[in-house]
PDB file of N, CA and C in Angstrom:
ATOM      1  N   MET A   1      93.440 211.432 139.546  1.00  0.00           N
ATOM      2  CA  MET A   1      94.186 212.578 139.289  1.00  0.00           C
ATOM      3  C   MET A   1      94.790 213.256 140.782  1.00  0.00           C
ATOM      4  N   ILE A   2      95.910 213.220 140.315  1.00  0.00           N
ATOM      5  CA  ILE A   2      96.550 213.206 142.031  1.00  0.00           C
ATOM      6  C   ILE A   2      96.960 215.021 141.934  1.00  0.00           C
ATOM      7  N   PHE A   3      96.946 215.467 143.213  1.00  0.00           N
ATOM      8  CA  PHE A   3      96.986 217.026 143.236  1.00  0.00           C
ATOM      9  C   PHE A   3      97.845 216.890 144.789  1.00  0.00           C
ATOM     10  N   GLU A   4      97.891 217.895 145.633  1.00  0.00           N
ATOM     11  CA  GLU A   4      98.832 218.877 146.426  1.00  0.00           C
ATOM     12  C   GLU A   4      97.936 219.472 146.347  1.00  0.00           C
ATOM     13  N   VAL A   5      98.111 219.691 148.353  1.00  0.00           N
ATOM     14  CA  VAL A   5      97.469 220.756 149.160  1.00  0.00           C
ATOM     15  C   VAL A   5      98.586 220.793 150.374  1.00  0.00           C
ATOM     16  N   GLU A   6      98.301 222.395 150.515  1.00  0.00           N
ATOM     17  CA  GLU A   6      99.101 222.804 151.799  1.00  0.00           C
ATOM     18  C   GLU A   6      99.175 221.849 152.983  1.00  0.00           C
ATOM     19  N   ALA A   7     100.632 221.560 154.245  1.00  0.00           N
ATOM     20  CA  ALA A   7      99.915 221.024 154.924  1.00  0.00           C
ATOM     21  C   ALA A   7      99.998 221.847 155.985  1.00  0.00           C
ATOM     22  N   VAL A   8      99.112 221.402 156.750  1.00  0.00           N
ATOM     23  CA  VAL A   8      98.382 222.508 158.330  1.00  0.00           C
ATOM     24  C   VAL A   8      99.450 222.670 158.831  1.00  0.00           C
ATOM     25  N   ASP A   9     100.949 222.182 159.184  1.00  0.00           N
ATOM     26  CA  ASP A   9     101.665 222.424 159.948  1.00  0.00           C
ATOM     27  C   ASP A   9     103.012 223.075 159.196  1.00  0.00           C
ATOM     28  N   GLY A  10     102.895 222.953 157.999  1.00  0.00           N
ATOM     29  CA  GLY A  10     103.381 224.090 157.039  1.00  0.00           C
ATOM     30  C   GLY A  10     104.928 223.289 156.710  1.00  0.00           C
ATOM     31  N   GLY A  11     104.713 221.652 157.039  1.00  0.00           N
ATOM     32  CA  GLY A  11     105.786 221.002 156.498  1.00  0.00           C
ATOM     33  C   GLY A  11     105.643 220.799 154.843  1.00  0.00           C
ATOM     34  N   ALA A  12     105.663 219.373 154.338  1.00  0.00           N
ATOM     35  CA  ALA A  12     105.823 219.269 153.043  1.00  0.00           C
ATOM     36  C   ALA A  12     104.452 219.282 152.008  1.00  0.00           C
ATOM     37  N   PRO A  13     103.936 219.429 151.495  1.00  0.00           N
ATOM     38  CA  PRO A  13     102.708 219.356 150.928  1.00  0.00           C
ATOM     39  C   PRO A  13     101.732 218.295 150.823  1.00  0.00           C
ATOM     40  N   ILE A  14     101.066 218.312 150.827  1.00  0.00           N
ATOM     41  CA  ILE A  14      99.948 216.268 150.983  1.00  0.00           C
ATOM     42  C   ILE A  14      99.675 215.997 149.709  1.00  0.00           C
ATOM     43  N   ARG A  15     100.072 214.770 149.097  1.00  0.00           N
ATOM     44  CA  ARG A  15      99.203 214.583 148.027  1.00  0.00           C
ATOM     45  C   ARG A  15      98.017 213.863 148.376  1.00  0.00           C
ATOM     46  N   LEU A  16      97.081 213.750 146.928  1.00  0.00           N
ATOM     47  CA  LEU A  16      95.761 213.370 147.473  1.00  0.00           C
ATOM     48  C   LEU A  16      95.054 212.671 145.828  1.00  0.00           C
ATOM     49  N   VAL A  17      94.122 212.306 145.971  1.00  0.00           N
ATOM     50  CA  VAL A  17      93.402 212.017 144.908  1.00  0.00           C
ATOM     51  C   VAL A  17      92.220 212.206 144.615  1.00  0.00           C
ATOM     52  N   HIS A  18      91.722 212.775 143.438  1.00  0.00           N
ATOM     53  CA  HIS A  18      90.723 213.095 143.046  1.00  0.00           C
ATOM     54  C   HIS A  18      90.065 212.591 142.244  1.00  0.00           C
ATOM     55  N   GLY A  19      88.949 212.848 142.383  1.00  0.00           N
ATOM     56  CA  GLY A  19      88.282 211.384 140.906  1.00  0.00           C
ATOM     57  C   GLY A  19      88.477 212.050 139.432  1.00  0.00           C
ATOM     58  N   PRO A  20      88.615 210.943 138.490  1.00  0.00           N
ATOM     59  CA  PRO A  20      88.685 212.010 137.184  1.00  0.00           C
ATOM     60  C   PRO A  20      87.727 212.474 136.680  1.00  0.00           C
ATOM     61  N   ILE A  21      86.768 212.255 136.987  1.00  0.00           N
ATOM     62  CA  ILE A  21      85.306 212.468 136.409  1.00  0.00           C
ATOM     63  C   ILE A  21      85.170 213.857 136.534  1.00  0.00           C
ATOM     64  N   GLN A  22      84.526 215.212 135.743  1.00  0.00           N
ATOM     65  CA  GLN A  22      84.200 216.473 135.993  1.00  0.00           C
ATOM     66  C   GLN A  22      83.624 216.546 135.005  1.00  0.00           C
ATOM     67  N   PHE A  23      81.753 217.015 135.494  1.00  0.00           N
ATOM     68  CA  PHE A  23      80.711 217.444 134.283  1.00  0.00           C
ATOM     69  C   PHE A  23      80.820 218.658 133.905  1.00  0.00           C
ATOM     70  N   ASN A  24      81.353 219.566 134.932  1.00  0.00           N
ATOM     71  CA  ASN A  24      81.055 221.168 134.703  1.00  0.00           C
ATOM     72  C   ASN A  24      82.219 221.802 134.311  1.00  0.00           C
ATOM     73  N   HIS A  25      83.140 221.319 133.644  1.00  0.00           N
ATOM     74  CA  HIS A  25      84.827 222.098 132.793  1.00  0.00           C
ATOM     75  C   HIS A  25      85.298 222.670 133.862  1.00  0.00           C
ATOM     76  N   ALA A  26      84.622 222.971 134.848  1.00  0.00           N
ATOM     77  CA  ALA A  26      85.382 224.619 135.982  1.00  0.00           C
ATOM     78  C   ALA A  26      86.524 223.731 136.294  1.00  0.00           C
ATOM     79  N   PRO A  27      87.541 224.652 136.431  1.00  0.00           N
ATOM     80  CA  PRO A  27      88.991 224.049 137.239  1.00  0.00           C
ATOM     81  C   PRO A  27      88.825 223.688 138.456  1.00  0.00           C
ATOM     82  N   LEU A  28      89.761 222.553 138.490  1.00  0.00           N
ATOM     83  CA  LEU A  28      89.889 221.720 139.648  1.00  0.00           C
ATOM     84  C   LEU A  28      90.023 222.775 140.565  1.00  0.00           C
ATOM     85  N   GLN A  29      89.415 223.423 141.816  1.00  0.00           N
ATOM     86  CA  GLN A  29      89.911 223.705 143.788  1.00  0.00           C
ATOM     87  C   GLN A  29      90.636 222.555 144.024  1.00  0.00           C
ATOM     88  N   THR A  30      91.423 223.116 144.197  1.00  0.00           N
ATOM     89  CA  THR A  30      92.217 221.861 145.449  1.00  0.00           C
ATOM     90  C   THR A  30      92.703 222.543 146.855  1.00  0.00           C
ATOM     91  N   THR A  31      92.023 221.896 147.828  1.00  0.00           N
ATOM     92  CA  THR A  31      92.708 222.465 149.126  1.00  0.00           C
ATOM     93  C   THR A  31      92.156 221.475 150.666  1.00  0.00           C
ATOM     94  N   ARG A  32      92.683 222.031 151.244  1.00  0.00           N
ATOM     95  CA  ARG A  32      92.961 220.894 152.283  1.00  0.00           C
ATOM     96  C   ARG A  32      91.247 220.754 153.377  1.00  0.00           C
ATOM     97  N   GLY A  33      91.328 219.234 153.781  1.00  0.00           N
ATOM     98  CA  GLY A  33      89.817 220.073 154.245  1.00  0.00           C
ATOM     99  C   GLY A  33      90.585 220.368 155.611  1.00  0.00           C
ATOM    100  N   PRO A  34      89.301 220.866 156.895  1.00  0.00           N
ATOM    101  CA  PRO A  34      89.644 221.388 157.705  1.00  0.00           C
ATOM    102  C   PRO A  34      90.000 220.771 159.112  1.00  0.00           C
ATOM    103  N   GLN A  35      91.036 220.812 159.692  1.00  0.00           N
ATOM    104  CA  GLN A  35      90.863 220.537 161.126  1.00  0.00           C
ATOM    105  C   GLN A  35      89.616 220.067 161.987  1.00  0.00           C
ATOM    106  N   PRO A  36      90.141 219.438 163.064  1.00  0.00           N
ATOM    107  CA  PRO A  36      88.649 219.397 164.155  1.00  0.00           C
ATOM    108  C   PRO A  36      88.791 220.717 165.082  1.00  0.00           C
ATOM    109  N   SER A  37      88.096 221.594 165.031  1.00  0.00           N
ATOM    110  CA  SER A  37      87.750 222.505 165.554  1.00  0.00           C
ATOM    111  C   SER A  37      88.032 223.576 165.063  1.00  0.00           C
ATOM    112  N   GLU A  38      88.587 224.020 163.594  1.00  0.00           N
ATOM    113  CA  GLU A  38      89.421 224.975 162.808  1.00  0.00           C
ATOM    114  C   GLU A  38      88.129 226.190 162.483  1.00  0.00           C
ATOM    115  N   HIS A  39      87.065 226.404 162.340  1.00  0.00           N
ATOM    116  CA  HIS A  39      86.286 226.850 162.698  1.00  0.00           C
ATOM    117  C   HIS A  39      84.758 227.426 163.247  1.00  0.00           C
ATOM    118  N   THR A  40      85.421 227.128 164.174  1.00  0.00           N
ATOM    119  CA  THR A  40      83.930 226.526 165.705  1.00  0.00           C
ATOM    120  C   THR A  40      83.567 228.531 165.575  1.00  0.00           C
ATOM    121  N   GLU A  41      84.826 229.067 166.366  1.00  0.00           N
ATOM    122  CA  GLU A  41      84.624 230.007 166.683  1.00  0.00           C
ATOM    123  C   GLU A  41      83.995 231.115 165.520  1.00  0.00           C
ATOM    124  N   SER A  42      84.285 230.787 164.318  1.00  0.00           N
ATOM    125  CA  SER A  42      83.563 232.149 163.393  1.00  0.00           C
ATOM    126  C   SER A  42      82.051 231.406 162.904  1.00  0.00           C
ATOM    127  N   ILE A  43      81.995 230.503 162.964  1.00  0.00           N
ATOM    128  CA  ILE A  43      80.545 229.841 162.822  1.00  0.00           C
ATOM    129  C   ILE A  43      79.895 230.338 163.284  1.00  0.00           C
ATOM    130  N   LEU A  44      79.869 230.089 165.012  1.00  0.00           N
ATOM    131  CA  LEU A  44      79.355 230.225 166.176  1.00  0.00           C
ATOM    132  C   LEU A  44      79.174 231.980 166.163  1.00  0.00           C
ATOM    133  N   MET A  45      80.269 232.422 165.177  1.00  0.00           N
ATOM    134  CA  MET A  45      80.107 234.462 165.701  1.00  0.00           C
ATOM    135  C   MET A  45      79.270 234.749 164.103  1.00  0.00           C
ATOM    136  N   GLU A  46      79.131 233.819 163.219  1.00  0.00           N
ATOM    137  CA  GLU A  46      77.798 234.185 161.876  1.00  0.00           C
ATOM    138  C   GLU A  46      76.615 233.904 162.617  1.00  0.00           C
ATOM    139  N   MET A  47      76.720 232.755 163.668  1.00  0.00           N
ATOM    140  CA  MET A  47      75.001 232.229 164.155  1.00  0.00           C
ATOM    141  C   MET A  47      74.868 233.177 165.229  1.00  0.00           C
ATOM    142  N   GLY A  48      75.704 234.412 165.630  1.00  0.00           N
ATOM    143  CA  GLY A  48      75.012 235.892 166.125  1.00  0.00           C
ATOM    144  C   GLY A  48      75.839 235.133 168.144  1.00  0.00           C
ATOM    145  N   LEU A  49      76.400 234.322 168.039  1.00  0.00           N
ATOM    146  CA  LEU A  49      76.452 234.350 169.666  1.00  0.00           C
ATOM    147  C   LEU A  49      78.149 235.410 169.825  1.00  0.00           C
ATOM    148  N   GLU A  50      77.919 235.982 171.000  1.00  0.00           N
ATOM    149  CA  GLU A  50      78.823 237.053 171.513  1.00  0.00           C
ATOM    150  C   GLU A  50      79.946 236.301 171.878  1.00  0.00           C
ATOM    151  N   TRP A  51      81.336 236.904 171.964  1.00  0.00           N
ATOM    152  CA  TRP A  51      82.224 236.297 172.031  1.00  0.00           C
ATOM    153  C   TRP A  51      82.439 235.749 174.082  1.00  0.00           C
ATOM    154  N   ASP A  52      81.995 236.339 174.462  1.00  0.00           N
ATOM    155  CA  ASP A  52      82.032 235.830 175.519  1.00  0.00           C
ATOM    156  C   ASP A  52      81.113 234.654 175.904  1.00  0.00           C
ATOM    157  N   ARG A  53      80.261 234.518 174.842  1.00  0.00           N
ATOM    158  CA  ARG A  53      79.608 233.404 175.489  1.00  0.00           C
ATOM    159  C   ARG A  53      80.215 232.026 174.928  1.00  0.00           C
ATOM    160  N   ILE A  54      81.044 231.662 174.130  1.00  0.00           N
ATOM    161  CA  ILE A  54      82.116 231.416 172.976  1.00  0.00           C
ATOM    162  C   ILE A  54      83.093 230.939 174.107  1.00  0.00           C
ATOM    163  N   GLU A  55      83.656 231.901 174.949  1.00  0.00           N
ATOM    164  CA  GLU A  55      84.556 231.332 175.713  1.00  0.00           C
ATOM    165  C   GLU A  55      83.680 230.633 176.914  1.00  0.00           C
ATOM    166  N   GLU A  56      83.107 231.307 177.293  1.00  0.00           N
ATOM    167  CA  GLU A  56      81.963 230.309 178.247  1.00  0.00           C
ATOM    168  C   GLU A  56      81.822 229.093 178.006  1.00  0.00           C
ATOM    169  N   LEU A  57      80.949 228.326 176.900  1.00  0.00           N
ATOM    170  CA  LEU A  57      81.576 227.051 176.101  1.00  0.00           C
ATOM    171  C   LEU A  57      82.558 226.707 176.194  1.00  0.00           C
ATOM    172  N   LYS A  58      84.126 227.262 175.973  1.00  0.00           N
ATOM    173  CA  LYS A  58      84.670 226.801 175.841  1.00  0.00           C
ATOM    174  C   LYS A  58      85.178 226.055 177.169  1.00  0.00           C
ATOM    175  N   ALA A  59      85.413 226.963 178.259  1.00  0.00           N
ATOM    176  CA  ALA A  59      85.304 226.839 179.103  1.00  0.00           C
ATOM    177  C   ALA A  59      84.614 225.613 180.281  1.00  0.00           C
ATOM    178  N   LEU A  60      83.597 225.301 179.758  1.00  0.00           N
ATOM    179  CA  LEU A  60      82.161 224.180 180.127  1.00  0.00           C
ATOM    180  C   LEU A  60      82.689 222.892 179.340  1.00  0.00           C
ATOM    181  N   GLY A  61      83.294 223.139 178.090  1.00  0.00           N
ATOM    182  CA  GLY A  61      84.293 221.595 177.115  1.00  0.00           C
ATOM    183  C   GLY A  61      82.713 221.555 176.835  1.00  0.00           C
ATOM    184  N   ALA A  62      82.140 222.179 176.513  1.00  0.00           N
ATOM    185  CA  ALA A  62      81.263 222.062 175.227  1.00  0.00           C
ATOM    186  C   ALA A  62      81.493 222.310 174.290  1.00  0.00           C
ATOM    187  N   ILE A  63      82.556 223.068 173.346  1.00  0.00           N
ATOM    188  CA  ILE A  63      83.292 223.549 172.580  1.00  0.00           C
ATOM    189  C   ILE A  63      84.691 223.439 172.877  1.00  0.00           C
ATOM    190  N   ALA A  64      85.865 222.948 171.422  1.00  0.00           N
ATOM    191  CA  ALA A  64      87.044 222.922 171.793  1.00  0.00           C
ATOM    192  C   ALA A  64      87.515 224.381 171.065  1.00  0.00           C
TER     193      ALA A  64
END
């Protein structure tokens, strides 16, 4: 099964392969994988870190 997902840079869609076997008969959800550090800030905020602490960690190079 070949499907297309949006390109991160806004370019042409990327063609990917999905395994042909699906046991639950649910519609196929096709999304791209996250870029490195794409969700770091939102995950840390969900964990309870304040924005100032996240900025501090960035300045220290602990997170990107």
